[in-house]
Amino acid sequence: MKVLVAGGAGFIGSTVASACLDEGIEPVILDSLCTGRVEFTRERAFYCGDIADAALLDRIFTEHPDIAAVVHAAALIVVPESVSEPLRYYRENVAKSLDFLEHVLRNGVTRYVFSSSAAIYRVGADFSVDENSPIEPVSPYARTKAMMESVLADTARATPLRALSLRYFNPIGADPLLRTGLQVVRPTHALGRLIDAWNGGGEFSITGTDWPTRDGSGIRDYVHVWDLARAHVQALRRFDEILPPGGERAVEAVNLGSGDGITVRELVAAFAATVGPVRSREAPPRPGDGPGSFTRSTRSRLLLDWKPEYSVVDGIRHAVQWCRIRDELLGSGGHEHELLG
């Protein structure tokens, strides 16, 4: 099988591509390198460009007529940035995705795996959600994901498109073989900021300490990026079983999380026990933040035959190992912002 991975030079997209290669699936990478790294595309078919570039997409499908599916993992993901730059997020995550989807369909590919987010849910009293929980995104970033899921559902009703939305919770870690990892200089997620504080002797800010959780800090469902990558392989392998051509359903959503709710304070404690202590301070929540959630769903096991294999401690350990070699592999420079891919 050959698959087009849009955003395949970024953190998650490159890890998905590695997992595909390990399982005999050939990835074709499309990435603009606005935050992705060309180093993550070595020994892989790679096209540098925008997902909205019609001529480039036509070239890719002409040169790879056996592409059987698309993984759409290209998106901006920084929640506070989406609040301050909403037009940029709607342009990159929605407008360009519409063009990309149109070009994919025009080239005859109807299997579509979409990188979505658990941030689209309205959180219940116990902070757990499943795929039937109400959709109520609270940030422009999350709204772009909910919008694209609606676009995919409407398009599937009118065309042969079949779309599987994988709703990520909170990715951590790195490829256990350290082929790829988080490439940005200033990560915005909690574990990245913890590592930065530990490396530099600074303070880690616990942003939001008055949430109605057991210790006041936000609750998260941390899932190892390699487990996420394995889930994509399962999604590709089982795609026609989950969404058969001509079947009653043409869209499906699956939560990808560990099922464990861990607070930010608990993550700090786990980091201290695994790596070493980090000084922390309390800070107000960031724009667009919410209390967080964790999955209670079993759909990933039923449909994908998937469950996480790595723990939070594994994610911490792999992320720290990657951080130690990142500059050697990628140079001391890097991108300021994060993309999902």
C-alpha atoms as a PDB file:
ATOM      1  CA  MET A   1       0.000   0.000   0.000  1.00  0.00           C
ATOM      2  CA  LYS A   2       1.110   3.545  -0.724  1.00  0.00           C
ATOM      3  CA  VAL A   3      -0.255   6.515   1.249  1.00  0.00           C
ATOM      4  CA  LEU A   4       0.091  10.287   0.900  1.00  0.00           C
ATOM      5  CA  VAL A   5       0.957  11.886   4.260  1.00  0.00           C
ATOM      6  CA  ALA A   6       0.223  15.621   4.219  1.00  0.00           C
ATOM      7  CA  GLY A   7       2.274  17.239   6.968  1.00  0.00           C
ATOM      8  CA  GLY A   8       4.605  14.247   6.911  1.00  0.00           C
ATOM      9  CA  ALA A   9       7.711  16.258   7.850  1.00  0.00           C
ATOM     10  CA  GLY A  10       6.283  17.377  11.188  1.00  0.00           C
ATOM     11  CA  PHE A  11       6.232  15.753  14.618  1.00  0.00           C
ATOM     12  CA  ILE A  12       3.230  13.455  14.287  1.00  0.00           C
ATOM     13  CA  GLY A  13       3.222  13.133  10.500  1.00  0.00           C
ATOM     14  CA  SER A  14       6.849  12.009  10.339  1.00  0.00           C
ATOM     15  CA  THR A  15       6.257   9.480  13.110  1.00  0.00           C
ATOM     16  CA  VAL A  16       3.228   8.140  11.234  1.00  0.00           C
ATOM     17  CA  ALA A  17       5.422   7.818   8.139  1.00  0.00           C
ATOM     18  CA  SER A  18       8.027   5.851  10.124  1.00  0.00           C
ATOM     19  CA  ALA A  19       5.379   3.498  11.482  1.00  0.00           C
ATOM     20  CA  CYS A  20       4.050   2.997   7.961  1.00  0.00           C
ATOM     21  CA  LEU A  21       7.511   2.122   6.663  1.00  0.00           C
ATOM     22  CA  ASP A  22       8.034  -0.345   9.501  1.00  0.00           C
ATOM     23  CA  GLU A  23       4.792  -2.087   8.509  1.00  0.00           C
ATOM     24  CA  GLY A  24       5.405  -2.202   4.765  1.00  0.00           C
ATOM     25  CA  ILE A  25       3.277   0.819   3.858  1.00  0.00           C
ATOM     26  CA  GLU A  26       5.082   3.286   1.585  1.00  0.00           C
ATOM     27  CA  PRO A  27       4.559   6.946   2.598  1.00  0.00           C
ATOM     28  CA  VAL A  28       4.694   9.801   0.113  1.00  0.00           C
ATOM     29  CA  ILE A  29       5.366  13.018   2.023  1.00  0.00           C
ATOM     30  CA  LEU A  30       3.844  16.418   1.232  1.00  0.00           C
ATOM     31  CA  ASP A  31       4.981  19.255   3.485  1.00  0.00           C
ATOM     32  CA  SER A  32       5.637  22.970   3.044  1.00  0.00           C
ATOM     33  CA  LEU A  33       8.427  22.843   5.679  1.00  0.00           C
ATOM     34  CA  CYS A  34       6.979  25.942   7.339  1.00  0.00           C
ATOM     35  CA  THR A  35       7.507  23.975  10.549  1.00  0.00           C
ATOM     36  CA  GLY A  36       8.367  20.504   9.323  1.00  0.00           C
ATOM     37  CA  ARG A  37      11.949  19.390   8.864  1.00  0.00           C
ATOM     38  CA  VAL A  38      13.495  18.109   5.664  1.00  0.00           C
ATOM     39  CA  GLU A  39      15.662  15.812   7.799  1.00  0.00           C
ATOM     40  CA  PHE A  40      12.488  13.850   8.617  1.00  0.00           C
ATOM     41  CA  THR A  41      11.927  13.080   4.920  1.00  0.00           C
ATOM     42  CA  ARG A  42      15.239  11.376   4.155  1.00  0.00           C
ATOM     43  CA  GLU A  43      14.916   8.153   2.164  1.00  0.00           C
ATOM     44  CA  ARG A  44      11.214   8.898   1.660  1.00  0.00           C
ATOM     45  CA  ALA A  45       9.419  10.211  -1.409  1.00  0.00           C
ATOM     46  CA  PHE A  46       9.070  13.917  -0.598  1.00  0.00           C
ATOM     47  CA  TYR A  47       7.353  16.882  -2.234  1.00  0.00           C
ATOM     48  CA  CYS A  48       7.893  20.347  -0.784  1.00  0.00           C
ATOM     49  CA  GLY A  49       4.844  22.523  -1.164  1.00  0.00           C
ATOM     50  CA  ASP A  50       1.442  23.622   0.037  1.00  0.00           C
ATOM     51  CA  ILE A  51      -1.542  21.300   0.451  1.00  0.00           C
ATOM     52  CA  ALA A  52      -3.615  23.800  -1.577  1.00  0.00           C
ATOM     53  CA  ASP A  53      -1.279  23.676  -4.608  1.00  0.00           C
ATOM     54  CA  ALA A  54      -3.403  22.022  -7.306  1.00  0.00           C
ATOM     55  CA  ALA A  55      -0.576  21.569  -9.814  1.00  0.00           C
ATOM     56  CA  LEU A  56       1.653  19.955  -7.186  1.00  0.00           C
ATOM     57  CA  LEU A  57      -1.093  17.568  -6.071  1.00  0.00           C
ATOM     58  CA  ASP A  58      -1.743  16.578  -9.674  1.00  0.00           C
ATOM     59  CA  ARG A  59       1.970  15.917 -10.125  1.00  0.00           C
ATOM     60  CA  ILE A  60       2.118  13.765  -6.999  1.00  0.00           C
ATOM     61  CA  PHE A  61      -0.802  11.604  -8.095  1.00  0.00           C
ATOM     62  CA  THR A  62       0.548  11.365 -11.634  1.00  0.00           C
ATOM     63  CA  GLU A  63       3.925  10.176 -10.371  1.00  0.00           C
ATOM     64  CA  HIS A  64       2.331   7.898  -7.744  1.00  0.00           C
ATOM     65  CA  PRO A  65      -0.889   6.578  -9.332  1.00  0.00           C
ATOM     66  CA  ASP A  66      -0.977   3.752  -6.779  1.00  0.00           C
ATOM     67  CA  ILE A  67      -1.625   6.035  -3.778  1.00  0.00           C
ATOM     68  CA  ALA A  68      -4.521   4.289  -2.059  1.00  0.00           C
ATOM     69  CA  ALA A  69      -5.228   6.642   0.854  1.00  0.00           C
ATOM     70  CA  VAL A  70      -4.437  10.030   2.335  1.00  0.00           C
ATOM     71  CA  VAL A  71      -3.445  10.929   5.890  1.00  0.00           C
ATOM     72  CA  HIS A  72      -4.189  14.623   6.439  1.00  0.00           C
ATOM     73  CA  ALA A  73      -1.889  15.649   9.302  1.00  0.00           C
ATOM     74  CA  ALA A  74      -1.040  19.208   8.230  1.00  0.00           C
ATOM     75  CA  ALA A  75      -2.398  21.882  10.577  1.00  0.00           C
ATOM     76  CA  LEU A  76      -1.470  24.680  12.945  1.00  0.00           C
ATOM     77  CA  ILE A  77      -2.150  23.561  16.518  1.00  0.00           C
ATOM     78  CA  VAL A  78      -1.161  26.220  19.104  1.00  0.00           C
ATOM     79  CA  VAL A  79      -4.344  27.145  20.958  1.00  0.00           C
ATOM     80  CA  PRO A  80      -3.340  30.601  22.325  1.00  0.00           C
ATOM     81  CA  GLU A  81      -1.942  31.524  18.917  1.00  0.00           C
ATOM     82  CA  SER A  82      -5.255  30.562  17.324  1.00  0.00           C
ATOM     83  CA  VAL A  83      -6.996  33.018  19.652  1.00  0.00           C
ATOM     84  CA  SER A  84      -4.688  35.866  18.635  1.00  0.00           C
ATOM     85  CA  GLU A  85      -4.463  34.894  14.942  1.00  0.00           C
ATOM     86  CA  PRO A  86      -7.826  33.319  14.081  1.00  0.00           C
ATOM     87  CA  LEU A  87      -7.775  34.260  10.396  1.00  0.00           C
ATOM     88  CA  ARG A  88      -4.432  32.529   9.946  1.00  0.00           C
ATOM     89  CA  TYR A  89      -5.802  29.371  11.549  1.00  0.00           C
ATOM     90  CA  TYR A  90      -9.003  29.350   9.504  1.00  0.00           C
ATOM     91  CA  ARG A  91      -6.963  29.928   6.345  1.00  0.00           C
ATOM     92  CA  GLU A  92      -4.397  27.201   7.026  1.00  0.00           C
ATOM     93  CA  ASN A  93      -6.606  24.621   8.711  1.00  0.00           C
ATOM     94  CA  VAL A  94      -9.881  25.087   6.841  1.00  0.00           C
ATOM     95  CA  ALA A  95      -9.569  27.042   3.592  1.00  0.00           C
ATOM     96  CA  LYS A  96      -6.469  25.210   2.386  1.00  0.00           C
ATOM     97  CA  SER A  97      -7.868  21.903   3.593  1.00  0.00           C
ATOM     98  CA  LEU A  98     -10.917  22.425   1.377  1.00  0.00           C
ATOM     99  CA  ASP A  99      -8.637  22.845  -1.630  1.00  0.00           C
ATOM    100  CA  PHE A 100      -6.604  19.812  -0.610  1.00  0.00           C
ATOM    101  CA  LEU A 101      -9.694  17.634  -0.239  1.00  0.00           C
ATOM    102  CA  GLU A 102     -10.988  18.733  -3.619  1.00  0.00           C
ATOM    103  CA  HIS A 103      -7.662  17.923  -5.309  1.00  0.00           C
ATOM    104  CA  VAL A 104      -7.512  14.513  -3.610  1.00  0.00           C
ATOM    105  CA  LEU A 105     -11.000  13.581  -4.777  1.00  0.00           C
ATOM    106  CA  ARG A 106     -10.352  14.898  -8.269  1.00  0.00           C
ATOM    107  CA  ASN A 107      -7.431  12.501  -8.457  1.00  0.00           C
ATOM    108  CA  GLY A 108      -9.607   9.549  -7.548  1.00  0.00           C
ATOM    109  CA  VAL A 109      -8.543   8.841  -3.948  1.00  0.00           C
ATOM    110  CA  THR A 110     -11.485   8.328  -1.609  1.00  0.00           C
ATOM    111  CA  ARG A 111      -9.882   6.908   1.568  1.00  0.00           C
ATOM    112  CA  TYR A 112      -9.201   9.849   3.884  1.00  0.00           C
ATOM    113  CA  VAL A 113      -7.704   9.685   7.397  1.00  0.00           C
ATOM    114  CA  PHE A 114      -8.049  13.044   9.123  1.00  0.00           C
ATOM    115  CA  SER A 115      -6.020  14.230  12.105  1.00  0.00           C
ATOM    116  CA  SER A 116      -8.673  15.706  14.368  1.00  0.00           C
ATOM    117  CA  SER A 117      -8.646  16.658  18.034  1.00  0.00           C
ATOM    118  CA  ALA A 118     -10.371  15.861  21.304  1.00  0.00           C
ATOM    119  CA  ALA A 119     -10.452  19.627  21.865  1.00  0.00           C
ATOM    120  CA  ILE A 120     -13.720  19.684  19.909  1.00  0.00           C
ATOM    121  CA  TYR A 121     -15.703  18.121  22.784  1.00  0.00           C
ATOM    122  CA  ARG A 122     -17.811  19.749  25.471  1.00  0.00           C
ATOM    123  CA  VAL A 123     -16.355  18.319  28.664  1.00  0.00           C
ATOM    124  CA  GLY A 124     -18.654  16.566  31.122  1.00  0.00           C
ATOM    125  CA  ALA A 125     -18.645  16.766  34.891  1.00  0.00           C
ATOM    126  CA  ASP A 126     -16.079  13.967  35.267  1.00  0.00           C
ATOM    127  CA  PHE A 127     -13.930  15.258  32.340  1.00  0.00           C
ATOM    128  CA  SER A 128     -14.354  12.008  30.385  1.00  0.00           C
ATOM    129  CA  VAL A 129     -15.643  11.989  26.807  1.00  0.00           C
ATOM    130  CA  ASP A 130     -16.451   9.521  24.080  1.00  0.00           C
ATOM    131  CA  GLU A 131     -17.193   9.917  20.383  1.00  0.00           C
ATOM    132  CA  ASN A 132     -20.854  10.705  21.119  1.00  0.00           C
ATOM    133  CA  SER A 133     -20.085  13.542  23.531  1.00  0.00           C
ATOM    134  CA  PRO A 134     -21.427  16.965  22.474  1.00  0.00           C
ATOM    135  CA  ILE A 135     -19.242  18.959  20.098  1.00  0.00           C
ATOM    136  CA  GLU A 136     -18.525  22.376  21.563  1.00  0.00           C
ATOM    137  CA  PRO A 137     -15.024  23.669  20.725  1.00  0.00           C
ATOM    138  CA  VAL A 138     -13.802  26.625  22.787  1.00  0.00           C
ATOM    139  CA  SER A 139     -10.886  27.896  20.671  1.00  0.00           C
ATOM    140  CA  PRO A 140     -10.423  28.831  17.016  1.00  0.00           C
ATOM    141  CA  TYR A 141      -8.008  25.904  16.681  1.00  0.00           C
ATOM    142  CA  ALA A 142     -10.597  23.432  17.941  1.00  0.00           C
ATOM    143  CA  ARG A 143     -13.302  25.021  15.792  1.00  0.00           C
ATOM    144  CA  THR A 144     -11.167  24.458  12.680  1.00  0.00           C
ATOM    145  CA  LYS A 145     -11.100  20.744  13.499  1.00  0.00           C
ATOM    146  CA  ALA A 146     -14.842  20.578  14.121  1.00  0.00           C
ATOM    147  CA  MET A 147     -15.474  22.489  10.897  1.00  0.00           C
ATOM    148  CA  MET A 148     -13.363  20.086   8.884  1.00  0.00           C
ATOM    149  CA  GLU A 149     -15.178  17.097  10.345  1.00  0.00           C
ATOM    150  CA  SER A 150     -18.449  18.685   9.192  1.00  0.00           C
ATOM    151  CA  VAL A 151     -16.946  19.321   5.763  1.00  0.00           C
ATOM    152  CA  LEU A 152     -15.895  15.694   5.484  1.00  0.00           C
ATOM    153  CA  ALA A 153     -19.346  14.457   6.527  1.00  0.00           C
ATOM    154  CA  ASP A 154     -21.119  16.695   4.008  1.00  0.00           C
ATOM    155  CA  THR A 155     -18.667  15.775   1.256  1.00  0.00           C
ATOM    156  CA  ALA A 156     -19.056  12.059   1.971  1.00  0.00           C
ATOM    157  CA  ARG A 157     -22.804  12.398   1.453  1.00  0.00           C
ATOM    158  CA  ALA A 158     -22.285  13.938  -1.983  1.00  0.00           C
ATOM    159  CA  THR A 159     -19.226  12.054  -3.282  1.00  0.00           C
ATOM    160  CA  PRO A 160     -17.522   8.648  -2.947  1.00  0.00           C
ATOM    161  CA  LEU A 161     -15.356  10.031  -0.102  1.00  0.00           C
ATOM    162  CA  ARG A 162     -14.955   7.883   3.000  1.00  0.00           C
ATOM    163  CA  ALA A 163     -13.388   9.673   5.974  1.00  0.00           C
ATOM    164  CA  LEU A 164     -12.028   8.418   9.273  1.00  0.00           C
ATOM    165  CA  SER A 165     -11.385  11.178  11.842  1.00  0.00           C
ATOM    166  CA  LEU A 166      -8.829  10.290  14.501  1.00  0.00           C
ATOM    167  CA  ARG A 167      -9.399  12.555  17.491  1.00  0.00           C
ATOM    168  CA  TYR A 168      -6.056  12.943  19.263  1.00  0.00           C
ATOM    169  CA  PHE A 169      -5.774  13.763  22.920  1.00  0.00           C
ATOM    170  CA  ASN A 170      -2.327  14.962  24.142  1.00  0.00           C
ATOM    171  CA  PRO A 171       0.643  13.520  22.208  1.00  0.00           C
ATOM    172  CA  ILE A 172       3.940  13.147  24.062  1.00  0.00           C
ATOM    173  CA  GLY A 173       7.215  11.319  23.563  1.00  0.00           C
ATOM    174  CA  ALA A 174       9.204  10.621  20.414  1.00  0.00           C
ATOM    175  CA  ASP A 175       9.855   7.762  18.042  1.00  0.00           C
ATOM    176  CA  PRO A 176      11.400   5.150  20.386  1.00  0.00           C
ATOM    177  CA  LEU A 177      14.124   4.612  17.773  1.00  0.00           C
ATOM    178  CA  LEU A 178      14.750   8.391  17.864  1.00  0.00           C
ATOM    179  CA  ARG A 179      14.329   8.846  14.126  1.00  0.00           C
ATOM    180  CA  THR A 180      11.991  11.781  14.720  1.00  0.00           C
ATOM    181  CA  GLY A 181      10.631  13.857  17.567  1.00  0.00           C
ATOM    182  CA  LEU A 182       9.366  17.319  18.423  1.00  0.00           C
ATOM    183  CA  GLN A 183      11.329  19.706  16.216  1.00  0.00           C
ATOM    184  CA  VAL A 184      10.252  23.131  17.477  1.00  0.00           C
ATOM    185  CA  VAL A 185      12.560  25.387  19.484  1.00  0.00           C
ATOM    186  CA  ARG A 186       9.920  26.649  21.902  1.00  0.00           C
ATOM    187  CA  PRO A 187       7.254  23.978  22.452  1.00  0.00           C
ATOM    188  CA  THR A 188       3.979  25.113  23.949  1.00  0.00           C
ATOM    189  CA  HIS A 189       2.720  21.818  25.352  1.00  0.00           C
ATOM    190  CA  ALA A 190       3.309  20.900  28.975  1.00  0.00           C
ATOM    191  CA  LEU A 191       5.964  18.199  28.601  1.00  0.00           C
ATOM    192  CA  GLY A 192       8.013  20.286  26.164  1.00  0.00           C
ATOM    193  CA  ARG A 193       7.935  23.221  28.541  1.00  0.00           C
ATOM    194  CA  LEU A 194       8.911  20.957  31.431  1.00  0.00           C
ATOM    195  CA  ILE A 195      11.956  19.723  29.525  1.00  0.00           C
ATOM    196  CA  ASP A 196      12.920  23.291  28.644  1.00  0.00           C
ATOM    197  CA  ALA A 197      12.678  24.338  32.292  1.00  0.00           C
ATOM    198  CA  TRP A 198      14.689  21.313  33.413  1.00  0.00           C
ATOM    199  CA  ASN A 199      17.391  21.881  30.798  1.00  0.00           C
ATOM    200  CA  GLY A 200      17.684  25.594  31.475  1.00  0.00           C
ATOM    201  CA  GLY A 201      17.176  25.634  35.212  1.00  0.00           C
ATOM    202  CA  GLY A 202      14.072  27.769  34.816  1.00  0.00           C
ATOM    203  CA  GLU A 203      10.543  27.557  36.120  1.00  0.00           C
ATOM    204  CA  PHE A 204       7.642  25.606  34.678  1.00  0.00           C
ATOM    205  CA  SER A 205       4.366  27.520  34.637  1.00  0.00           C
ATOM    206  CA  ILE A 206       1.289  25.558  35.650  1.00  0.00           C
ATOM    207  CA  THR A 207      -1.160  27.557  33.562  1.00  0.00           C
ATOM    208  CA  GLY A 208      -4.538  27.387  35.238  1.00  0.00           C
ATOM    209  CA  THR A 209      -4.858  26.271  38.847  1.00  0.00           C
ATOM    210  CA  ASP A 210      -8.536  26.937  39.570  1.00  0.00           C
ATOM    211  CA  TRP A 211     -10.116  24.305  37.339  1.00  0.00           C
ATOM    212  CA  PRO A 212     -12.673  22.032  39.079  1.00  0.00           C
ATOM    213  CA  THR A 213     -10.244  19.084  39.023  1.00  0.00           C
ATOM    214  CA  ARG A 214      -8.829  17.130  41.957  1.00  0.00           C
ATOM    215  CA  ASP A 215      -5.865  19.502  42.354  1.00  0.00           C
ATOM    216  CA  GLY A 216      -6.992  22.598  40.425  1.00  0.00           C
ATOM    217  CA  SER A 217      -4.702  22.076  37.439  1.00  0.00           C
ATOM    218  CA  GLY A 218      -5.935  20.991  34.042  1.00  0.00           C
ATOM    219  CA  ILE A 219      -6.532  17.316  33.344  1.00  0.00           C
ATOM    220  CA  ARG A 220      -5.026  15.686  30.268  1.00  0.00           C
ATOM    221  CA  ASP A 221      -4.968  12.347  28.488  1.00  0.00           C
ATOM    222  CA  TYR A 222      -1.334  11.872  27.488  1.00  0.00           C
ATOM    223  CA  VAL A 223      -0.823   9.426  24.628  1.00  0.00           C
ATOM    224  CA  HIS A 224       2.572   8.433  23.252  1.00  0.00           C
ATOM    225  CA  VAL A 225       3.194   9.634  19.700  1.00  0.00           C
ATOM    226  CA  TRP A 226       4.351   6.166  18.646  1.00  0.00           C
ATOM    227  CA  ASP A 227       1.055   4.726  19.849  1.00  0.00           C
ATOM    228  CA  LEU A 228      -0.701   7.388  17.770  1.00  0.00           C
ATOM    229  CA  ALA A 229       1.390   6.377  14.775  1.00  0.00           C
ATOM    230  CA  ARG A 230       0.495   2.717  15.249  1.00  0.00           C
ATOM    231  CA  ALA A 231      -3.174   3.687  15.330  1.00  0.00           C
ATOM    232  CA  HIS A 232      -2.790   5.310  11.902  1.00  0.00           C
ATOM    233  CA  VAL A 233      -1.304   2.098  10.522  1.00  0.00           C
ATOM    234  CA  GLN A 234      -4.265   0.178  11.913  1.00  0.00           C
ATOM    235  CA  ALA A 235      -6.649   2.739  10.429  1.00  0.00           C
ATOM    236  CA  LEU A 236      -5.072   2.280   7.003  1.00  0.00           C
ATOM    237  CA  ARG A 237      -5.011  -1.505   7.265  1.00  0.00           C
ATOM    238  CA  ARG A 238      -8.630  -1.729   8.408  1.00  0.00           C
ATOM    239  CA  PHE A 239     -10.046   1.208   6.451  1.00  0.00           C
ATOM    240  CA  ASP A 240     -12.280  -0.784   4.083  1.00  0.00           C
ATOM    241  CA  GLU A 241     -13.468  -2.957   6.963  1.00  0.00           C
ATOM    242  CA  ILE A 242     -14.432   0.089   9.029  1.00  0.00           C
ATOM    243  CA  LEU A 243     -15.920   2.026   6.103  1.00  0.00           C
ATOM    244  CA  PRO A 244     -16.720  -0.422   3.286  1.00  0.00           C
ATOM    245  CA  PRO A 245     -17.253   1.054  -0.185  1.00  0.00           C
ATOM    246  CA  GLY A 246     -20.946   1.590  -0.696  1.00  0.00           C
ATOM    247  CA  GLY A 247     -21.679   0.930   2.964  1.00  0.00           C
ATOM    248  CA  GLU A 248     -24.272   2.700   5.075  1.00  0.00           C
ATOM    249  CA  ARG A 249     -21.638   4.797   6.835  1.00  0.00           C
ATOM    250  CA  ALA A 250     -19.056   6.886   5.011  1.00  0.00           C
ATOM    251  CA  VAL A 251     -17.582   8.725   8.021  1.00  0.00           C
ATOM    252  CA  GLU A 252     -16.399   7.554  11.407  1.00  0.00           C
ATOM    253  CA  ALA A 253     -14.635   9.138  14.387  1.00  0.00           C
ATOM    254  CA  VAL A 254     -12.293   7.405  16.826  1.00  0.00           C
ATOM    255  CA  ASN A 255     -10.753   8.803  20.004  1.00  0.00           C
ATOM    256  CA  LEU A 256      -7.032   8.152  20.437  1.00  0.00           C
ATOM    257  CA  GLY A 257      -6.065   8.470  24.072  1.00  0.00           C
ATOM    258  CA  SER A 258      -4.806   6.395  26.958  1.00  0.00           C
ATOM    259  CA  GLY A 259      -8.040   6.554  28.924  1.00  0.00           C
ATOM    260  CA  ASP A 260      -6.244   7.956  31.972  1.00  0.00           C
ATOM    261  CA  GLY A 261      -6.839  11.482  33.199  1.00  0.00           C
ATOM    262  CA  ILE A 262      -3.617  12.973  34.562  1.00  0.00           C
ATOM    263  CA  THR A 263      -3.451  16.497  35.929  1.00  0.00           C
ATOM    264  CA  VAL A 264      -0.653  18.882  35.057  1.00  0.00           C
ATOM    265  CA  ARG A 265       0.571  18.779  38.646  1.00  0.00           C
ATOM    266  CA  GLU A 266       0.690  14.983  38.411  1.00  0.00           C
ATOM    267  CA  LEU A 267       2.678  15.253  35.188  1.00  0.00           C
ATOM    268  CA  VAL A 268       5.184  17.493  36.982  1.00  0.00           C
ATOM    269  CA  ALA A 269       5.480  14.894  39.747  1.00  0.00           C
ATOM    270  CA  ALA A 270       5.960  12.083  37.206  1.00  0.00           C
ATOM    271  CA  PHE A 271       8.649  14.124  35.457  1.00  0.00           C
ATOM    272  CA  ALA A 272      10.449  14.744  38.743  1.00  0.00           C
ATOM    273  CA  ALA A 273      10.384  11.035  39.589  1.00  0.00           C
ATOM    274  CA  THR A 274      11.586  10.032  36.114  1.00  0.00           C
ATOM    275  CA  VAL A 275      14.103  12.757  35.222  1.00  0.00           C
ATOM    276  CA  GLY A 276      14.578  15.188  38.085  1.00  0.00           C
ATOM    277  CA  PRO A 277      12.833  18.013  39.913  1.00  0.00           C
ATOM    278  CA  VAL A 278      11.740  21.181  38.157  1.00  0.00           C
ATOM    279  CA  ARG A 279      10.787  24.408  39.885  1.00  0.00           C
ATOM    280  CA  SER A 280       7.207  25.378  39.114  1.00  0.00           C
ATOM    281  CA  ARG A 281       4.934  28.328  39.649  1.00  0.00           C
ATOM    282  CA  GLU A 282       1.238  28.942  39.248  1.00  0.00           C
ATOM    283  CA  ALA A 283       0.026  31.092  36.363  1.00  0.00           C
ATOM    284  CA  PRO A 284      -3.306  32.084  34.828  1.00  0.00           C
ATOM    285  CA  PRO A 285      -4.753  29.873  32.084  1.00  0.00           C
ATOM    286  CA  ARG A 286      -3.656  30.650  28.555  1.00  0.00           C
ATOM    287  CA  PRO A 287      -6.159  32.137  26.086  1.00  0.00           C
ATOM    288  CA  GLY A 288      -8.388  29.392  24.740  1.00  0.00           C
ATOM    289  CA  ASP A 289      -7.498  26.871  27.455  1.00  0.00           C
ATOM    290  CA  GLY A 290     -10.069  24.619  29.089  1.00  0.00           C
ATOM    291  CA  PRO A 291      -9.950  22.151  31.969  1.00  0.00           C
ATOM    292  CA  GLY A 292      -9.140  19.274  29.620  1.00  0.00           C
ATOM    293  CA  SER A 293     -10.532  15.780  29.213  1.00  0.00           C
ATOM    294  CA  PHE A 294      -9.708  12.103  28.836  1.00  0.00           C
ATOM    295  CA  THR A 295     -11.317   9.399  26.767  1.00  0.00           C
ATOM    296  CA  ARG A 296     -13.649   6.751  28.134  1.00  0.00           C
ATOM    297  CA  SER A 297     -14.172   5.253  24.697  1.00  0.00           C
ATOM    298  CA  THR A 298     -13.489   1.653  23.653  1.00  0.00           C
ATOM    299  CA  ARG A 299     -14.075   2.333  19.960  1.00  0.00           C
ATOM    300  CA  SER A 300     -10.363   2.319  19.128  1.00  0.00           C
ATOM    301  CA  ARG A 301     -10.108  -1.248  20.400  1.00  0.00           C
ATOM    302  CA  LEU A 302     -13.247  -2.370  18.605  1.00  0.00           C
ATOM    303  CA  LEU A 303     -12.533  -0.761  15.237  1.00  0.00           C
ATOM    304  CA  LEU A 304      -8.743  -0.507  15.119  1.00  0.00           C
ATOM    305  CA  ASP A 305      -7.758  -3.360  17.435  1.00  0.00           C
ATOM    306  CA  TRP A 306      -5.555  -0.753  19.081  1.00  0.00           C
ATOM    307  CA  LYS A 307      -4.630   0.203  22.599  1.00  0.00           C
ATOM    308  CA  PRO A 308      -1.688   2.219  23.908  1.00  0.00           C
ATOM    309  CA  GLU A 309       1.473   0.278  24.701  1.00  0.00           C
ATOM    310  CA  TYR A 310       3.552   3.104  26.182  1.00  0.00           C
ATOM    311  CA  SER A 311       3.037   4.866  29.515  1.00  0.00           C
ATOM    312  CA  VAL A 312       3.405   8.502  30.497  1.00  0.00           C
ATOM    313  CA  VAL A 313       6.785   7.637  31.992  1.00  0.00           C
ATOM    314  CA  ASP A 314       7.825   6.143  28.632  1.00  0.00           C
ATOM    315  CA  GLY A 315       6.700   9.341  26.918  1.00  0.00           C
ATOM    316  CA  ILE A 316       8.734  11.469  29.324  1.00  0.00           C
ATOM    317  CA  ARG A 317      11.806   9.266  28.910  1.00  0.00           C
ATOM    318  CA  HIS A 318      11.648   9.208  25.094  1.00  0.00           C
ATOM    319  CA  ALA A 319      11.033  12.959  24.888  1.00  0.00           C
ATOM    320  CA  VAL A 320      14.084  13.660  27.054  1.00  0.00           C
ATOM    321  CA  GLN A 321      16.212  11.244  25.007  1.00  0.00           C
ATOM    322  CA  TRP A 322      15.120  12.980  21.810  1.00  0.00           C
ATOM    323  CA  CYS A 323      15.823  16.418  23.268  1.00  0.00           C
ATOM    324  CA  ARG A 324      19.415  15.355  24.006  1.00  0.00           C
ATOM    325  CA  ILE A 325      20.114  14.536  20.352  1.00  0.00           C
ATOM    326  CA  ARG A 326      17.753  16.939  18.583  1.00  0.00           C
ATOM    327  CA  ASP A 327      20.251  19.739  17.990  1.00  0.00           C
ATOM    328  CA  GLU A 328      22.835  17.259  16.740  1.00  0.00           C
ATOM    329  CA  LEU A 329      20.366  15.870  14.204  1.00  0.00           C
ATOM    330  CA  LEU A 330      18.572  19.075  13.258  1.00  0.00           C
ATOM    331  CA  GLY A 331      21.024  21.847  14.152  1.00  0.00           C
ATOM    332  CA  SER A 332      20.587  24.470  16.828  1.00  0.00           C
ATOM    333  CA  GLY A 333      18.109  26.414  14.714  1.00  0.00           C
ATOM    334  CA  GLY A 334      14.483  25.469  14.357  1.00  0.00           C
ATOM    335  CA  HIS A 335      10.949  26.642  14.015  1.00  0.00           C
ATOM    336  CA  GLU A 336       9.209  28.806  16.541  1.00  0.00           C
ATOM    337  CA  HIS A 337       5.739  27.295  16.123  1.00  0.00           C
ATOM    338  CA  GLU A 338       4.170  23.893  16.191  1.00  0.00           C
ATOM    339  CA  LEU A 339       2.240  22.063  13.524  1.00  0.00           C
ATOM    340  CA  LEU A 340       0.289  18.904  13.945  1.00  0.00           C
ATOM    341  CA  GLY A 341       2.022  17.118  11.138  1.00  0.00           C
END
